[in-house]
C-alpha atoms as a PDB file:
ATOM      1  CA  MET A   1      25.602  71.795 -67.955  1.00  0.00           C
ATOM      2  CA  PHE A   2      23.803  74.973 -66.899  1.00  0.00           C
ATOM      3  CA  HIS A   3      27.149  76.768 -66.944  1.00  0.00           C
ATOM      4  CA  MET A   4      27.677  75.813 -70.626  1.00  0.00           C
ATOM      5  CA  ALA A   5      24.210  77.058 -71.548  1.00  0.00           C
ATOM      6  CA  ALA A   6      24.877  80.375 -69.825  1.00  0.00           C
ATOM      7  CA  GLN A   7      28.203  80.754 -71.634  1.00  0.00           C
ATOM      8  CA  THR A   8      26.561  79.991 -74.974  1.00  0.00           C
ATOM      9  CA  GLY A   9      23.902  82.597 -74.273  1.00  0.00           C
ATOM     10  CA  LEU A  10      26.543  85.188 -73.445  1.00  0.00           C
ATOM     11  CA  LEU A  11      28.488  84.437 -76.624  1.00  0.00           C
ATOM     12  CA  LEU A  12      25.364  84.749 -78.762  1.00  0.00           C
ATOM     13  CA  ALA A  13      24.442  88.011 -77.068  1.00  0.00           C
ATOM     14  CA  GLN A  14      27.880  89.435 -77.793  1.00  0.00           C
ATOM     15  CA  GLU A  15      27.680  88.401 -81.447  1.00  0.00           C
ATOM     16  CA  ALA A  16      24.316  90.103 -81.866  1.00  0.00           C
ATOM     17  CA  GLY A  17      26.034  93.470 -81.764  1.00  0.00           C
ATOM     18  CA  ASP A  18      24.444  96.685 -80.576  1.00  0.00           C
ATOM     19  CA  GLY A  19      20.840  95.467 -80.990  1.00  0.00           C
ATOM     20  CA  THR A  20      19.896  97.566 -83.996  1.00  0.00           C
ATOM     21  CA  THR A  21      17.833  96.036 -86.750  1.00  0.00           C
ATOM     22  CA  ASP A  22      18.310  96.455 -90.464  1.00  0.00           C
ATOM     23  CA  GLY A  23      14.592  96.316 -91.320  1.00  0.00           C
ATOM     24  CA  SER A  24      12.349  99.299 -91.915  1.00  0.00           C
ATOM     25  CA  PRO A  25       9.470 100.230 -89.600  1.00  0.00           C
ATOM     26  CA  LEU A  26       7.065  99.078 -92.322  1.00  0.00           C
ATOM     27  CA  SER A  27       8.266  95.501 -91.919  1.00  0.00           C
ATOM     28  CA  PHE A  28       6.489  95.485 -88.559  1.00  0.00           C
ATOM     29  CA  LEU A  29       3.356  97.166 -89.905  1.00  0.00           C
ATOM     30  CA  VAL A  30       2.709  94.791 -92.831  1.00  0.00           C
ATOM     31  CA  PRO A  31       2.017  91.664 -90.704  1.00  0.00           C
ATOM     32  CA  LEU A  32      -0.251  93.716 -88.443  1.00  0.00           C
ATOM     33  CA  VAL A  33      -2.287  94.921 -91.415  1.00  0.00           C
ATOM     34  CA  LEU A  34      -2.485  91.363 -92.784  1.00  0.00           C
ATOM     35  CA  ILE A  35      -3.698  90.009 -89.434  1.00  0.00           C
ATOM     36  CA  GLY A  36      -6.287  92.796 -89.274  1.00  0.00           C
ATOM     37  CA  GLY A  37      -7.479  91.974 -92.788  1.00  0.00           C
ATOM     38  CA  VAL A  38      -7.827  88.269 -92.022  1.00  0.00           C
ATOM     39  CA  PHE A  39      -9.692  89.098 -88.800  1.00  0.00           C
ATOM     40  CA  TYR A  40     -12.089  91.310 -90.762  1.00  0.00           C
ATOM     41  CA  LEU A  41     -12.692  88.708 -93.471  1.00  0.00           C
ATOM     42  CA  LEU A  42     -13.197  85.774 -91.106  1.00  0.00           C
ATOM     43  CA  LEU A  43     -15.174  87.416 -88.304  1.00  0.00           C
ATOM     44  CA  VAL A  44     -16.677  90.782 -89.171  1.00  0.00           C
ATOM     45  CA  LEU A  45     -18.062  90.159 -92.678  1.00  0.00           C
ATOM     46  CA  PRO A  46     -19.892  86.900 -91.833  1.00  0.00           C
ATOM     47  CA  GLN A  47     -21.439  88.538 -88.755  1.00  0.00           C
ATOM     48  CA  ARG A  48     -22.658  91.472 -90.849  1.00  0.00           C
ATOM     49  CA  ARG A  49     -24.195  89.052 -93.375  1.00  0.00           C
ATOM     50  CA  ARG A  50     -26.029  87.183 -90.600  1.00  0.00           C
ATOM     51  CA  MET A  51     -27.314  90.433 -89.103  1.00  0.00           C
ATOM     52  CA  ARG A  52     -28.501  91.679 -92.509  1.00  0.00           C
ATOM     53  CA  LYS A  53     -30.250  88.349 -93.199  1.00  0.00           C
ATOM     54  CA  MET A  54     -32.026  88.421 -89.817  1.00  0.00           C
ATOM     55  CA  GLN A  55     -33.127  92.035 -90.393  1.00  0.00           C
ATOM     56  CA  GLU A  56     -34.549  91.063 -93.793  1.00  0.00           C
ATOM     57  CA  LEU A  57     -36.416  88.180 -92.124  1.00  0.00           C
ATOM     58  CA  ARG A  58     -37.917  90.498 -89.500  1.00  0.00           C
ATOM     59  CA  ASP A  59     -38.917  93.024 -92.158  1.00  0.00           C
ATOM     60  CA  SER A  60     -40.653  90.315 -94.219  1.00  0.00           C
ATOM     61  CA  ILE A  61     -42.873  89.043 -91.383  1.00  0.00           C
ATOM     62  CA  GLU A  62     -46.538  89.853 -91.869  1.00  0.00           C
ATOM     63  CA  ILE A  63     -49.676  89.277 -89.850  1.00  0.00           C
ATOM     64  CA  GLY A  64     -50.708  85.634 -90.176  1.00  0.00           C
ATOM     65  CA  ASP A  65     -47.166  84.256 -90.524  1.00  0.00           C
ATOM     66  CA  GLU A  66     -46.188  81.382 -88.250  1.00  0.00           C
ATOM     67  CA  VAL A  67     -42.835  81.985 -86.541  1.00  0.00           C
ATOM     68  CA  ARG A  68     -40.475  80.426 -84.008  1.00  0.00           C
ATOM     69  CA  THR A  69     -38.838  82.577 -81.354  1.00  0.00           C
ATOM     70  CA  ILE A  70     -35.286  82.234 -80.064  1.00  0.00           C
ATOM     71  CA  GLY A  71     -36.830  80.678 -76.965  1.00  0.00           C
ATOM     72  CA  GLY A  72     -38.462  77.910 -79.014  1.00  0.00           C
ATOM     73  CA  ILE A  73     -42.026  79.234 -78.825  1.00  0.00           C
ATOM     74  CA  TYR A  74     -44.117  78.724 -81.952  1.00  0.00           C
ATOM     75  CA  GLY A  75     -46.911  81.139 -82.699  1.00  0.00           C
ATOM     76  CA  THR A  76     -48.848  83.070 -85.298  1.00  0.00           C
ATOM     77  CA  VAL A  77     -48.267  86.801 -85.674  1.00  0.00           C
ATOM     78  CA  THR A  78     -51.519  88.620 -84.902  1.00  0.00           C
ATOM     79  CA  GLY A  79     -50.268  92.181 -84.655  1.00  0.00           C
ATOM     80  CA  GLU A  80     -47.370  94.595 -84.516  1.00  0.00           C
ATOM     81  CA  GLN A  81     -46.678  97.260 -81.884  1.00  0.00           C
ATOM     82  CA  GLY A  82     -43.614  99.392 -82.579  1.00  0.00           C
ATOM     83  CA  ASP A  83     -40.594  97.143 -82.036  1.00  0.00           C
ATOM     84  CA  SER A  84     -42.618  94.097 -80.960  1.00  0.00           C
ATOM     85  CA  PHE A  85     -44.999  91.497 -82.359  1.00  0.00           C
ATOM     86  CA  LEU A  86     -48.112  89.968 -80.844  1.00  0.00           C
ATOM     87  CA  LEU A  87     -48.104  86.170 -81.139  1.00  0.00           C
ATOM     88  CA  ASP A  88     -51.044  83.828 -80.696  1.00  0.00           C
ATOM     89  CA  ILE A  89     -49.475  80.709 -79.175  1.00  0.00           C
ATOM     90  CA  GLY A  90     -52.637  78.650 -78.928  1.00  0.00           C
ATOM     91  CA  SER A  91     -55.701  78.343 -76.681  1.00  0.00           C
ATOM     92  CA  GLY A  92     -56.383  82.046 -77.177  1.00  0.00           C
ATOM     93  CA  THR A  93     -53.143  83.033 -75.470  1.00  0.00           C
ATOM     94  CA  THR A  94     -51.391  86.060 -76.930  1.00  0.00           C
ATOM     95  CA  ILE A  95     -47.896  87.167 -75.969  1.00  0.00           C
ATOM     96  CA  ARG A  96     -45.854  90.187 -76.959  1.00  0.00           C
ATOM     97  CA  ILE A  97     -42.230  89.664 -78.005  1.00  0.00           C
ATOM     98  CA  VAL A  98     -39.558  91.982 -79.374  1.00  0.00           C
ATOM     99  CA  LYS A  99     -38.844  91.636 -83.077  1.00  0.00           C
ATOM    100  CA  ARG A 100     -35.238  90.605 -82.367  1.00  0.00           C
ATOM    101  CA  ALA A 101     -36.585  87.453 -80.671  1.00  0.00           C
ATOM    102  CA  ILE A 102     -37.850  85.981 -83.963  1.00  0.00           C
ATOM    103  CA  ALA A 103     -35.554  83.137 -85.019  1.00  0.00           C
ATOM    104  CA  GLU A 104     -37.301  81.990 -88.192  1.00  0.00           C
ATOM    105  CA  LYS A 105     -40.489  81.777 -90.184  1.00  0.00           C
ATOM    106  CA  VAL A 106     -42.022  78.334 -90.000  1.00  0.00           C
ATOM    107  CA  ALA A 107     -42.529  76.866 -93.469  1.00  0.00           C
ATOM    108  CA  GLU A 108     -46.004  75.809 -94.432  1.00  0.00           C
ATOM    109  CA  GLU A 109     -46.325  72.011 -94.435  1.00  0.00           C
ATOM    110  CA  SER A 110     -47.869  70.516 -97.552  1.00  0.00           C
ATOM    111  CA  ASP A 111     -50.328  67.609 -97.269  1.00  0.00           C
ATOM    112  CA  GLU A 112     -49.009  65.547-100.189  1.00  0.00           C
END
């Protein structure tokens, strides 16, 4: 059985000829460009949108806003120092966090 498979492989190899292809070099380049385009559309653009949205959020934060950090800490912004915020997290405790650590603004709850 193995012997027949080997013979079939040899016959197919002989029929293939000298191994040259009839296609142009561009036929290899087109799928690569398409894969690159799909990669860009599915991965790079959404990441850029998320980064832009987070930067807009950080730029919109003002003193007095209640925020949640990426670590799950809730606090009120009491000041800004360069690339960090000062947060009052209750009981008179103030911590300093980098601006990149802000996950979201906490919406004001209405008493209706």
